[in-house]
Amino acid sequence: MSFILLMIMSGFFWVVTYYLIIKRCFRDNTYGMPLVALGLNISWEFIYSFITPHGVPYIYTNIIALSLDTILLYQALRFWRYEFPKLSERSFYLLFLFIVIFSFLTVYLTSYILNDPIGYYIAFWQNLLMSILFILMLKFRDNLRGQSIYIGTFKMLGTAFASIAFYLYDPLNKGSWIMNFTYLAIFIFDIIYIIMVYNKAKIKL
C-alpha cells in the first residue's frame, strides 16, 4: 500500500471520527472533542489549509476536517455549561480564547522552529495529547456522554494508518526513536480508551 493511499485512508477514518463525535454529541447535548484538542485541531487544519497549504489530495481532507471542526466548535460553545456548571460564562470564554490563541501559536511556531512545513511533528504530538485527553474526559465525566467505542476505534485507525505511512515511506521519520515512540504511545492510549469505554458501557448495561 502506497504512502498516498495510506494517508487517504487515514483521512477517511479521521473524517468518520469527527462525524461520529458530532452525531453523538447532538444526541447527548454535549461536546465530544476535548477543548485543548479542539483548539489544536482547528489551528492545525486552518494553517495547513490556508497559510501553508498541503498539496492534493491532502488539502481536501484538511478542508473537510476544518469544516467539521466548525460544528465541533459550535457544540463546545453551545453545550459547555452541561459539563462545567460552576464555571461562569465570562471565565469559560476567556479560557477558550486563551486555548485557541495558545494552540495556534504552538502549532505554527513548533512547525517553524523545527523547519517542518507540513506539520508532521506537531500533528502526531497533538494527536498523542488528544488520546490522553479523551481518557481524562471519560474519567472526569464518569459517563459516556459524547463518547462511544466507535469514536475511539475510528480515531485509532486514522492515526494507525498515518503512523504506518510515515514509518514506512517518509524520510521525515528517518528511524527517529522519538517519533516511533509517539506512534506506539498513541496506539496504546487509544487502546486504553477503547477498553475504558467498553467497560463503562458494560456497567451501564
N, C-alpha and C. Protein backbone atom coordinates (compact mmCIF):
# COMPACT_ATOMS: atom_id res chain seq x y z
N MET A 1 0.85 -1.19 0.00
CA MET A 1 0.00 0.00 0.00
C MET A 1 0.89 1.24 0.00
N SER A 2 0.64 2.18 -0.89
CA SER A 2 1.49 3.36 -1.04
C SER A 2 1.25 4.38 0.06
N PHE A 3 2.19 5.33 0.16
CA PHE A 3 2.06 6.41 1.15
C PHE A 3 0.76 7.18 0.94
N ILE A 4 0.47 7.55 -0.32
CA ILE A 4 -0.73 8.34 -0.60
C ILE A 4 -1.98 7.59 -0.20
N LEU A 5 -2.05 6.31 -0.53
CA LEU A 5 -3.24 5.52 -0.20
C LEU A 5 -3.40 5.39 1.31
N LEU A 6 -2.29 5.16 2.01
CA LEU A 6 -2.35 5.07 3.47
C LEU A 6 -2.86 6.38 4.08
N MET A 7 -2.40 7.50 3.55
CA MET A 7 -2.82 8.79 4.07
C MET A 7 -4.27 9.10 3.72
N ILE A 8 -4.71 8.67 2.55
CA ILE A 8 -6.13 8.84 2.20
C ILE A 8 -7.01 8.04 3.16
N MET A 9 -6.58 6.82 3.47
CA MET A 9 -7.32 6.00 4.42
C MET A 9 -7.33 6.65 5.80
N SER A 10 -6.18 7.21 6.20
CA SER A 10 -6.11 7.91 7.47
C SER A 10 -7.09 9.07 7.50
N GLY A 11 -7.10 9.86 6.44
CA GLY A 11 -8.02 11.00 6.36
C GLY A 11 -9.47 10.55 6.43
N PHE A 12 -9.79 9.46 5.74
CA PHE A 12 -11.16 8.93 5.75
C PHE A 12 -11.59 8.57 7.17
N PHE A 13 -10.73 7.84 7.89
CA PHE A 13 -11.09 7.41 9.24
C PHE A 13 -11.21 8.61 10.19
N TRP A 14 -10.38 9.64 9.97
CA TRP A 14 -10.49 10.82 10.82
C TRP A 14 -11.77 11.59 10.55
N VAL A 15 -12.15 11.70 9.29
CA VAL A 15 -13.41 12.38 8.96
C VAL A 15 -14.59 11.63 9.57
N VAL A 16 -14.55 10.29 9.50
CA VAL A 16 -15.61 9.49 10.13
C VAL A 16 -15.62 9.71 11.64
N THR A 17 -14.44 9.81 12.24
CA THR A 17 -14.35 10.08 13.68
C THR A 17 -15.04 11.38 14.04
N TYR A 18 -14.75 12.44 13.29
CA TYR A 18 -15.38 13.74 13.53
C TYR A 18 -16.89 13.63 13.38
N TYR A 19 -17.33 12.93 12.34
CA TYR A 19 -18.78 12.77 12.10
C TYR A 19 -19.44 12.05 13.27
N LEU A 20 -18.81 10.99 13.76
CA LEU A 20 -19.38 10.22 14.87
C LEU A 20 -19.44 11.04 16.15
N ILE A 21 -18.42 11.86 16.39
CA ILE A 21 -18.45 12.75 17.56
C ILE A 21 -19.61 13.73 17.45
N ILE A 22 -19.75 14.34 16.28
CA ILE A 22 -20.83 15.32 16.06
C ILE A 22 -22.20 14.68 16.27
N LYS A 23 -22.39 13.53 15.66
CA LYS A 23 -23.68 12.83 15.76
C LYS A 23 -24.00 12.48 17.21
N ARG A 24 -23.03 11.92 17.91
CA ARG A 24 -23.24 11.51 19.30
C ARG A 24 -23.52 12.71 20.19
N CYS A 25 -22.82 13.81 19.95
CA CYS A 25 -22.94 14.96 20.84
C CYS A 25 -24.26 15.70 20.65
N PHE A 26 -24.79 15.75 19.45
CA PHE A 26 -26.11 16.33 19.28
C PHE A 26 -27.16 15.48 19.99
N ARG A 27 -26.94 14.19 20.04
CA ARG A 27 -27.86 13.30 20.76
C ARG A 27 -27.77 13.51 22.26
N ASP A 28 -26.53 13.73 22.76
CA ASP A 28 -26.31 13.81 24.20
C ASP A 28 -26.28 15.24 24.74
N ASN A 29 -26.43 16.23 23.86
CA ASN A 29 -26.38 17.65 24.27
C ASN A 29 -25.08 17.98 25.01
N THR A 30 -23.97 17.64 24.36
CA THR A 30 -22.67 17.94 24.94
C THR A 30 -21.67 18.15 23.81
N TYR A 31 -20.41 18.34 24.16
CA TYR A 31 -19.34 18.36 23.17
C TYR A 31 -18.46 17.14 23.40
N GLY A 32 -17.83 16.64 22.34
CA GLY A 32 -17.07 15.41 22.46
C GLY A 32 -15.60 15.51 22.16
N MET A 33 -15.17 16.66 21.68
CA MET A 33 -13.74 16.86 21.45
C MET A 33 -13.20 17.68 22.62
N PRO A 34 -12.25 17.15 23.39
CA PRO A 34 -11.67 17.93 24.49
C PRO A 34 -11.24 19.31 24.01
N LEU A 35 -11.43 20.32 24.84
CA LEU A 35 -11.27 21.70 24.40
C LEU A 35 -9.87 22.01 23.89
N VAL A 36 -8.85 21.53 24.58
CA VAL A 36 -7.47 21.77 24.12
C VAL A 36 -7.23 21.09 22.78
N ALA A 37 -7.72 19.86 22.65
CA ALA A 37 -7.59 19.13 21.38
C ALA A 37 -8.33 19.86 20.26
N LEU A 38 -9.50 20.42 20.58
CA LEU A 38 -10.26 21.17 19.58
C LEU A 38 -9.48 22.39 19.11
N GLY A 39 -8.89 23.12 20.05
CA GLY A 39 -8.09 24.29 19.69
C GLY A 39 -6.91 23.92 18.81
N LEU A 40 -6.23 22.84 19.13
CA LEU A 40 -5.09 22.39 18.33
C LEU A 40 -5.52 21.92 16.95
N ASN A 41 -6.63 21.18 16.89
CA ASN A 41 -7.11 20.69 15.59
C ASN A 41 -7.51 21.82 14.66
N ILE A 42 -8.28 22.76 15.20
CA ILE A 42 -8.69 23.91 14.39
C ILE A 42 -7.46 24.65 13.87
N SER A 43 -6.49 24.86 14.75
CA SER A 43 -5.28 25.59 14.36
C SER A 43 -4.51 24.84 13.28
N TRP A 44 -4.28 23.54 13.49
CA TRP A 44 -3.51 22.75 12.53
C TRP A 44 -4.20 22.72 11.17
N GLU A 45 -5.49 22.45 11.17
CA GLU A 45 -6.20 22.32 9.90
C GLU A 45 -6.36 23.66 9.19
N PHE A 46 -6.46 24.76 9.94
CA PHE A 46 -6.52 26.07 9.31
C PHE A 46 -5.16 26.43 8.70
N ILE A 47 -4.09 26.23 9.46
CA ILE A 47 -2.75 26.57 8.98
C ILE A 47 -2.41 25.79 7.72
N TYR A 48 -2.71 24.48 7.72
CA TYR A 48 -2.30 23.64 6.59
C TYR A 48 -3.37 23.54 5.50
N SER A 49 -4.43 24.36 5.65
CA SER A 49 -5.38 24.54 4.56
C SER A 49 -5.18 25.88 3.86
N PHE A 50 -4.76 26.93 4.64
CA PHE A 50 -4.76 28.28 4.08
C PHE A 50 -3.44 29.04 4.22
N ILE A 51 -2.69 28.81 5.28
CA ILE A 51 -1.45 29.57 5.46
C ILE A 51 -0.29 28.90 4.75
N THR A 52 -0.05 27.64 5.03
CA THR A 52 0.94 26.85 4.29
C THR A 52 0.23 25.57 3.82
N PRO A 53 -0.60 25.71 2.82
CA PRO A 53 -1.49 24.59 2.43
C PRO A 53 -0.74 23.37 1.92
N HIS A 54 -1.26 22.21 2.28
CA HIS A 54 -0.76 20.95 1.74
C HIS A 54 -1.17 20.83 0.28
N GLY A 55 -0.51 19.92 -0.42
CA GLY A 55 -0.87 19.65 -1.80
C GLY A 55 -2.05 18.70 -1.89
N VAL A 56 -2.46 18.45 -3.10
CA VAL A 56 -3.53 17.49 -3.38
C VAL A 56 -2.97 16.07 -3.18
N PRO A 57 -3.70 15.14 -2.60
CA PRO A 57 -5.11 15.21 -2.16
C PRO A 57 -5.28 15.60 -0.70
N TYR A 58 -4.17 15.84 0.02
CA TYR A 58 -4.25 16.01 1.47
C TYR A 58 -5.02 17.27 1.87
N ILE A 59 -4.94 18.31 1.05
CA ILE A 59 -5.63 19.54 1.41
C ILE A 59 -7.14 19.36 1.45
N TYR A 60 -7.65 18.43 0.64
CA TYR A 60 -9.10 18.19 0.66
C TYR A 60 -9.53 17.64 2.02
N THR A 61 -8.74 16.72 2.55
CA THR A 61 -9.05 16.19 3.88
C THR A 61 -8.97 17.29 4.93
N ASN A 62 -7.95 18.15 4.82
CA ASN A 62 -7.81 19.26 5.77
C ASN A 62 -9.03 20.16 5.77
N ILE A 63 -9.51 20.51 4.59
CA ILE A 63 -10.65 21.42 4.48
C ILE A 63 -11.92 20.77 4.99
N ILE A 64 -12.11 19.50 4.66
CA ILE A 64 -13.29 18.78 5.17
C ILE A 64 -13.24 18.72 6.70
N ALA A 65 -12.07 18.38 7.24
CA ALA A 65 -11.93 18.30 8.69
C ALA A 65 -12.14 19.67 9.34
N LEU A 66 -11.64 20.73 8.71
CA LEU A 66 -11.83 22.07 9.25
C LEU A 66 -13.31 22.45 9.24
N SER A 67 -14.02 22.05 8.20
CA SER A 67 -15.46 22.31 8.14
C SER A 67 -16.19 21.61 9.28
N LEU A 68 -15.80 20.36 9.54
CA LEU A 68 -16.40 19.63 10.66
C LEU A 68 -15.99 20.23 12.00
N ASP A 69 -14.78 20.80 12.05
CA ASP A 69 -14.33 21.48 13.26
C ASP A 69 -15.29 22.61 13.66
N THR A 70 -15.85 23.29 12.67
CA THR A 70 -16.76 24.39 12.98
C THR A 70 -18.00 23.87 13.71
N ILE A 71 -18.43 22.67 13.36
CA ILE A 71 -19.57 22.07 14.06
C ILE A 71 -19.16 21.64 15.46
N LEU A 72 -17.96 21.04 15.58
CA LEU A 72 -17.45 20.68 16.91
C LEU A 72 -17.30 21.92 17.78
N LEU A 73 -16.87 23.02 17.18
CA LEU A 73 -16.74 24.29 17.90
C LEU A 73 -18.10 24.77 18.37
N TYR A 74 -19.09 24.72 17.49
CA TYR A 74 -20.45 25.12 17.85
C TYR A 74 -20.95 24.30 19.04
N GLN A 75 -20.70 22.99 19.01
CA GLN A 75 -21.15 22.13 20.11
C GLN A 75 -20.48 22.51 21.42
N ALA A 76 -19.18 22.82 21.36
CA ALA A 76 -18.47 23.21 22.58
C ALA A 76 -19.04 24.50 23.15
N LEU A 77 -19.30 25.48 22.27
CA LEU A 77 -19.82 26.77 22.73
C LEU A 77 -21.28 26.68 23.14
N ARG A 78 -21.99 25.73 22.57
CA ARG A 78 -23.42 25.57 22.88
C ARG A 78 -23.66 24.76 24.15
N PHE A 79 -22.84 23.73 24.38
CA PHE A 79 -23.16 22.77 25.43
C PHE A 79 -22.18 22.74 26.60
N TRP A 80 -21.22 23.66 26.66
CA TRP A 80 -20.20 23.58 27.69
C TRP A 80 -20.77 23.65 29.10
N ARG A 81 -21.90 24.34 29.27
CA ARG A 81 -22.47 24.52 30.60
C ARG A 81 -22.86 23.20 31.25
N TYR A 82 -23.22 22.20 30.43
CA TYR A 82 -23.60 20.90 30.98
C TYR A 82 -22.42 20.21 31.65
N GLU A 83 -21.21 20.53 31.18
CA GLU A 83 -20.01 19.87 31.72
C GLU A 83 -19.31 20.72 32.77
N PHE A 84 -19.51 22.04 32.74
CA PHE A 84 -18.87 22.95 33.71
C PHE A 84 -19.93 23.87 34.32
N PRO A 85 -20.87 23.30 35.07
CA PRO A 85 -21.99 24.11 35.58
C PRO A 85 -21.57 25.21 36.55
N LYS A 86 -20.42 25.06 37.19
CA LYS A 86 -19.98 26.07 38.16
C LYS A 86 -19.11 27.16 37.56
N LEU A 87 -18.80 27.01 36.28
CA LEU A 87 -17.92 27.98 35.61
C LEU A 87 -18.77 29.11 35.03
N SER A 88 -18.35 30.35 35.26
CA SER A 88 -19.11 31.48 34.72
C SER A 88 -18.89 31.58 33.21
N GLU A 89 -19.83 32.23 32.54
CA GLU A 89 -19.73 32.39 31.09
C GLU A 89 -18.48 33.16 30.71
N ARG A 90 -18.20 34.23 31.44
CA ARG A 90 -17.01 35.03 31.15
C ARG A 90 -15.74 34.21 31.31
N SER A 91 -15.66 33.42 32.36
CA SER A 91 -14.47 32.61 32.60
C SER A 91 -14.28 31.58 31.49
N PHE A 92 -15.38 30.96 31.07
CA PHE A 92 -15.27 29.95 30.02
C PHE A 92 -14.76 30.55 28.72
N TYR A 93 -15.36 31.67 28.31
CA TYR A 93 -14.97 32.25 27.02
C TYR A 93 -13.55 32.79 27.04
N LEU A 94 -13.12 33.33 28.17
CA LEU A 94 -11.73 33.77 28.29
C LEU A 94 -10.79 32.57 28.23
N LEU A 95 -11.16 31.50 28.91
CA LEU A 95 -10.35 30.28 28.88
C LEU A 95 -10.27 29.72 27.47
N PHE A 96 -11.40 29.66 26.79
CA PHE A 96 -11.40 29.08 25.45
C PHE A 96 -10.63 29.96 24.47
N LEU A 97 -10.74 31.28 24.62
CA LEU A 97 -9.97 32.19 23.77
C LEU A 97 -8.48 31.96 23.97
N PHE A 98 -8.07 31.81 25.22
CA PHE A 98 -6.66 31.52 25.52
C PHE A 98 -6.23 30.21 24.88
N ILE A 99 -7.08 29.17 24.96
CA ILE A 99 -6.76 27.88 24.36
C ILE A 99 -6.55 28.01 22.86
N VAL A 100 -7.42 28.73 22.18
CA VAL A 100 -7.32 28.87 20.73
C VAL A 100 -6.05 29.62 20.34
N ILE A 101 -5.77 30.76 21.02
CA ILE A 101 -4.58 31.55 20.69
C ILE A 101 -3.31 30.75 20.99
N PHE A 102 -3.26 30.12 22.15
CA PHE A 102 -2.09 29.33 22.53
C PHE A 102 -1.89 28.16 21.57
N SER A 103 -3.00 27.52 21.17
CA SER A 103 -2.92 26.38 20.25
C SER A 103 -2.36 26.82 18.90
N PHE A 104 -2.87 27.94 18.39
CA PHE A 104 -2.41 28.42 17.09
C PHE A 104 -0.91 28.72 17.12
N LEU A 105 -0.49 29.42 18.15
CA LEU A 105 0.93 29.76 18.26
C LEU A 105 1.79 28.51 18.43
N THR A 106 1.29 27.54 19.19
CA THR A 106 2.03 26.29 19.40
C THR A 106 2.23 25.55 18.09
N VAL A 107 1.15 25.40 17.31
CA VAL A 107 1.24 24.68 16.03
C VAL A 107 2.15 25.42 15.07
N TYR A 108 1.92 26.71 14.93
CA TYR A 108 2.68 27.49 13.93
C TYR A 108 4.16 27.58 14.30
N LEU A 109 4.46 27.92 15.55
CA LEU A 109 5.85 28.13 15.94
C LEU A 109 6.62 26.83 16.03
N THR A 110 5.97 25.75 16.47
CA THR A 110 6.66 24.46 16.52
C THR A 110 7.07 24.03 15.12
N SER A 111 6.16 24.16 14.17
CA SER A 111 6.49 23.78 12.79
C SER A 111 7.57 24.69 12.22
N TYR A 112 7.53 25.97 12.56
CA TYR A 112 8.55 26.91 12.05
C TYR A 112 9.91 26.61 12.65
N ILE A 113 9.97 26.41 13.95
CA ILE A 113 11.24 26.17 14.63
C ILE A 113 11.88 24.86 14.17
N LEU A 114 11.04 23.85 13.94
CA LEU A 114 11.54 22.54 13.52
C LEU A 114 11.70 22.43 12.01
N ASN A 115 11.46 23.54 11.31
CA ASN A 115 11.55 23.56 9.85
C ASN A 115 10.71 22.43 9.25
N ASP A 116 9.46 22.41 9.67
CA ASP A 116 8.54 21.33 9.31
C ASP A 116 7.33 21.92 8.58
N PRO A 117 7.43 22.15 7.28
CA PRO A 117 6.37 22.86 6.54
C PRO A 117 5.07 22.08 6.41
N ILE A 118 5.07 20.77 6.69
CA ILE A 118 3.82 20.01 6.57
C ILE A 118 3.18 19.73 7.93
N GLY A 119 3.81 20.18 9.01
CA GLY A 119 3.23 19.99 10.34
C GLY A 119 3.27 18.56 10.82
N TYR A 120 4.27 17.79 10.38
CA TYR A 120 4.37 16.37 10.71
C TYR A 120 4.54 16.13 12.20
N TYR A 121 5.52 16.81 12.81
CA TYR A 121 5.83 16.55 14.21
C TYR A 121 4.69 16.96 15.13
N ILE A 122 4.21 18.20 14.96
CA ILE A 122 3.16 18.69 15.85
C ILE A 122 1.87 17.92 15.65
N ALA A 123 1.62 17.40 14.45
CA ALA A 123 0.39 16.62 14.21
C ALA A 123 0.35 15.39 15.09
N PHE A 124 1.47 14.67 15.15
CA PHE A 124 1.49 13.45 15.97
C PHE A 124 1.57 13.77 17.46
N TRP A 125 2.29 14.82 17.82
CA TRP A 125 2.38 15.17 19.23
C TRP A 125 1.03 15.63 19.78
N GLN A 126 0.29 16.42 18.99
CA GLN A 126 -1.02 16.83 19.47
C GLN A 126 -2.01 15.66 19.43
N ASN A 127 -1.75 14.71 18.54
CA ASN A 127 -2.57 13.51 18.50
C ASN A 127 -2.38 12.70 19.78
N LEU A 128 -1.14 12.60 20.22
CA LEU A 128 -0.85 11.91 21.48
C LEU A 128 -1.55 12.60 22.64
N LEU A 129 -1.46 13.92 22.67
CA LEU A 129 -2.14 14.68 23.71
C LEU A 129 -3.65 14.44 23.66
N MET A 130 -4.20 14.40 22.45
CA MET A 130 -5.63 14.17 22.28
C MET A 130 -6.03 12.81 22.86
N SER A 131 -5.23 11.79 22.61
CA SER A 131 -5.53 10.46 23.13
C SER A 131 -5.59 10.46 24.66
N ILE A 132 -4.65 11.17 25.26
CA ILE A 132 -4.64 11.28 26.73
C ILE A 132 -5.84 12.07 27.21
N LEU A 133 -6.18 13.14 26.50
CA LEU A 133 -7.31 13.99 26.91
C LEU A 133 -8.64 13.26 26.80
N PHE A 134 -8.78 12.37 25.83
CA PHE A 134 -10.01 11.57 25.74
C PHE A 134 -10.17 10.70 26.98
N ILE A 135 -9.06 10.12 27.43
CA ILE A 135 -9.11 9.30 28.65
C ILE A 135 -9.49 10.15 29.86
N LEU A 136 -8.88 11.33 29.97
CA LEU A 136 -9.18 12.22 31.09
C LEU A 136 -10.62 12.71 31.04
N MET A 137 -11.13 12.97 29.83
CA MET A 137 -12.52 13.41 29.69
C MET A 137 -13.48 12.33 30.17
N LEU A 138 -13.19 11.08 29.82
CA LEU A 138 -14.03 9.97 30.26
C LEU A 138 -13.99 9.84 31.78
N LYS A 139 -12.79 9.97 32.37
CA LYS A 139 -12.67 9.88 33.82
C LYS A 139 -13.37 11.05 34.50
N PHE A 140 -13.23 12.25 33.94
CA PHE A 140 -13.82 13.45 34.54
C PHE A 140 -15.34 13.38 34.51
N ARG A 141 -15.89 12.98 33.36
CA ARG A 141 -17.35 12.93 33.23
C ARG A 141 -17.93 11.70 33.92
N ASP A 142 -17.17 10.62 33.92
CA ASP A 142 -17.61 9.36 34.52
C ASP A 142 -18.90 8.85 33.89
N ASN A 143 -19.07 9.15 32.59
CA ASN A 143 -20.20 8.63 31.83
C ASN A 143 -19.82 8.66 30.35
N LEU A 144 -20.71 8.20 29.49
CA LEU A 144 -20.40 8.09 28.06
C LEU A 144 -21.01 9.23 27.24
N ARG A 145 -21.33 10.34 27.89
CA ARG A 145 -21.87 11.48 27.15
C ARG A 145 -20.85 11.95 26.11
N GLY A 146 -21.28 11.97 24.84
CA GLY A 146 -20.41 12.44 23.77
C GLY A 146 -19.31 11.48 23.37
N GLN A 147 -19.36 10.25 23.87
CA GLN A 147 -18.28 9.30 23.61
C GLN A 147 -18.85 7.94 23.26
N SER A 148 -18.10 7.17 22.49
CA SER A 148 -18.52 5.82 22.14
C SER A 148 -17.30 5.00 21.73
N ILE A 149 -17.47 3.70 21.74
CA ILE A 149 -16.38 2.81 21.33
C ILE A 149 -16.06 2.99 19.85
N TYR A 150 -17.06 3.41 19.06
CA TYR A 150 -16.84 3.62 17.63
C TYR A 150 -15.95 4.84 17.39
N ILE A 151 -16.16 5.89 18.17
CA ILE A 151 -15.30 7.08 18.07
C ILE A 151 -13.86 6.70 18.37
N GLY A 152 -13.65 5.98 19.46
CA GLY A 152 -12.30 5.57 19.82
C GLY A 152 -11.66 4.68 18.78
N THR A 153 -12.44 3.78 18.21
CA THR A 153 -11.90 2.85 17.21
C THR A 153 -11.50 3.55 15.93
N PHE A 154 -12.35 4.43 15.44
CA PHE A 154 -12.03 5.13 14.19
C PHE A 154 -10.88 6.11 14.39
N LYS A 155 -10.78 6.74 15.56
CA LYS A 155 -9.63 7.60 15.84
C LYS A 155 -8.34 6.77 15.81
N MET A 156 -8.39 5.61 16.45
CA MET A 156 -7.22 4.74 16.47
C MET A 156 -6.81 4.34 15.05
N LEU A 157 -7.79 3.97 14.21
CA LEU A 157 -7.49 3.57 12.84
C LEU A 157 -6.92 4.72 12.03
N GLY A 158 -7.50 5.91 12.20
CA GLY A 158 -7.00 7.07 11.46
C GLY A 158 -5.54 7.36 11.77
N THR A 159 -5.18 7.29 13.04
CA THR A 159 -3.80 7.54 13.43
C THR A 159 -2.89 6.40 13.03
N ALA A 160 -3.39 5.17 13.13
CA ALA A 160 -2.57 4.00 12.79
C ALA A 160 -2.14 4.03 11.33
N PHE A 161 -3.07 4.37 10.43
CA PHE A 161 -2.71 4.42 9.01
C PHE A 161 -1.69 5.52 8.73
N ALA A 162 -1.83 6.67 9.39
CA ALA A 162 -0.85 7.75 9.20
C ALA A 162 0.51 7.34 9.77
N SER A 163 0.50 6.69 10.92
CA SER A 163 1.76 6.24 11.54
C SER A 163 2.48 5.26 10.64
N ILE A 164 1.76 4.31 10.09
CA ILE A 164 2.37 3.32 9.19
C ILE A 164 2.93 4.00 7.95
N ALA A 165 2.18 4.97 7.42
CA ALA A 165 2.61 5.68 6.21
C ALA A 165 3.95 6.38 6.43
N PHE A 166 4.07 7.12 7.52
CA PHE A 166 5.31 7.85 7.77
C PHE A 166 6.44 6.91 8.18
N TYR A 167 6.11 5.87 8.91
CA TYR A 167 7.14 4.92 9.33
C TYR A 167 7.77 4.21 8.13
N LEU A 168 6.94 3.86 7.16
CA LEU A 168 7.42 3.09 6.02
C LEU A 168 8.02 3.94 4.91
N TYR A 169 7.45 5.10 4.67
CA TYR A 169 7.75 5.79 3.42
C TYR A 169 8.36 7.18 3.52
N ASP A 170 8.13 7.88 4.61
CA ASP A 170 8.52 9.29 4.60
C ASP A 170 9.90 9.51 5.21
N PRO A 171 10.77 10.25 4.52
CA PRO A 171 12.12 10.49 5.05
C PRO A 171 12.14 11.30 6.33
N LEU A 172 11.04 12.00 6.63
CA LEU A 172 11.00 12.76 7.88
C LEU A 172 11.14 11.84 9.09
N ASN A 173 10.67 10.60 8.94
CA ASN A 173 10.77 9.67 10.06
C ASN A 173 12.23 9.34 10.37
N LYS A 174 12.97 8.93 9.34
CA LYS A 174 14.41 8.66 9.45
C LYS A 174 14.77 7.78 10.64
N GLY A 175 13.91 6.84 10.96
CA GLY A 175 14.20 5.95 12.07
C GLY A 175 14.20 6.64 13.42
N SER A 176 13.56 7.81 13.51
CA SER A 176 13.56 8.59 14.75
C SER A 176 12.89 7.81 15.89
N TRP A 177 13.63 7.57 16.96
CA TRP A 177 13.06 6.84 18.09
C TRP A 177 11.96 7.66 18.75
N ILE A 178 12.09 9.00 18.70
CA ILE A 178 11.06 9.85 19.32
C ILE A 178 9.72 9.68 18.60
N MET A 179 9.75 9.71 17.25
CA MET A 179 8.51 9.58 16.52
C MET A 179 7.98 8.16 16.58
N ASN A 180 8.88 7.17 16.54
CA ASN A 180 8.41 5.79 16.68
C ASN A 180 7.77 5.55 18.04
N PHE A 181 8.35 6.17 19.07
CA PHE A 181 7.74 6.10 20.40
C PHE A 181 6.37 6.78 20.39
N THR A 182 6.27 7.91 19.69
CA THR A 182 5.00 8.64 19.62
C THR A 182 3.91 7.80 18.96
N TYR A 183 4.25 7.15 17.83
CA TYR A 183 3.28 6.28 17.16
C TYR A 183 2.76 5.22 18.12
N LEU A 184 3.69 4.57 18.82
CA LEU A 184 3.33 3.48 19.72
C LEU A 184 2.51 3.99 20.90
N ALA A 185 2.90 5.13 21.44
CA ALA A 185 2.20 5.68 22.60
C ALA A 185 0.76 6.05 22.25
N ILE A 186 0.57 6.65 21.09
CA ILE A 186 -0.79 6.99 20.66
C ILE A 186 -1.64 5.73 20.57
N PHE A 187 -1.08 4.70 19.95
CA PHE A 187 -1.82 3.44 19.79
C PHE A 187 -2.19 2.85 21.15
N ILE A 188 -1.25 2.87 22.09
CA ILE A 188 -1.51 2.30 23.42
C ILE A 188 -2.60 3.08 24.14
N PHE A 189 -2.50 4.41 24.13
CA PHE A 189 -3.52 5.21 24.81
C PHE A 189 -4.88 5.07 24.13
N ASP A 190 -4.92 4.92 22.81
CA ASP A 190 -6.19 4.71 22.12
C ASP A 190 -6.81 3.38 22.53
N ILE A 191 -5.98 2.35 22.65
CA ILE A 191 -6.48 1.04 23.11
C ILE A 191 -7.02 1.14 24.54
N ILE A 192 -6.29 1.85 25.39
CA ILE A 192 -6.76 2.03 26.77
C ILE A 192 -8.11 2.73 26.79
N TYR A 193 -8.25 3.76 25.96
CA TYR A 193 -9.53 4.49 25.91
C TYR A 193 -10.66 3.58 25.45
N ILE A 194 -10.42 2.81 24.40
CA ILE A 194 -11.45 1.90 23.88
C ILE A 194 -11.87 0.90 24.96
N ILE A 195 -10.91 0.35 25.68
CA ILE A 195 -11.22 -0.60 26.75
C ILE A 195 -12.03 0.08 27.86
N MET A 196 -11.64 1.31 28.20
CA MET A 196 -12.37 2.04 29.24
C MET A 196 -13.81 2.30 28.83
N VAL A 197 -14.01 2.71 27.56
CA VAL A 197 -15.35 2.97 27.07
C VAL A 197 -16.17 1.68 27.07
N TYR A 198 -15.54 0.59 26.64
CA TYR A 198 -16.22 -0.71 26.62
C TYR A 198 -16.65 -1.13 28.03
N ASN A 199 -15.76 -0.96 28.99
CA ASN A 199 -16.09 -1.33 30.36
C ASN A 199 -17.19 -0.43 30.94
N LYS A 200 -17.14 0.86 30.61
CA LYS A 200 -18.18 1.78 31.06
C LYS A 200 -19.53 1.42 30.45
N ALA A 201 -19.52 1.03 29.19
CA ALA A 201 -20.77 0.63 28.51
C ALA A 201 -21.34 -0.63 29.15
N LYS A 202 -20.47 -1.57 29.53
CA LYS A 202 -20.92 -2.82 30.18
C LYS A 202 -21.56 -2.51 31.53
N ILE A 203 -20.96 -1.60 32.27
CA ILE A 203 -21.51 -1.22 33.59
C ILE A 203 -22.89 -0.60 33.42
N LYS A 204 -23.03 0.25 32.38
CA LYS A 204 -24.31 0.91 32.12
C LYS A 204 -25.38 -0.10 31.82
N LEU A 205 -25.02 -1.16 31.05
CA LEU A 205 -25.98 -2.20 30.70
C LEU A 205 -26.35 -3.02 31.94
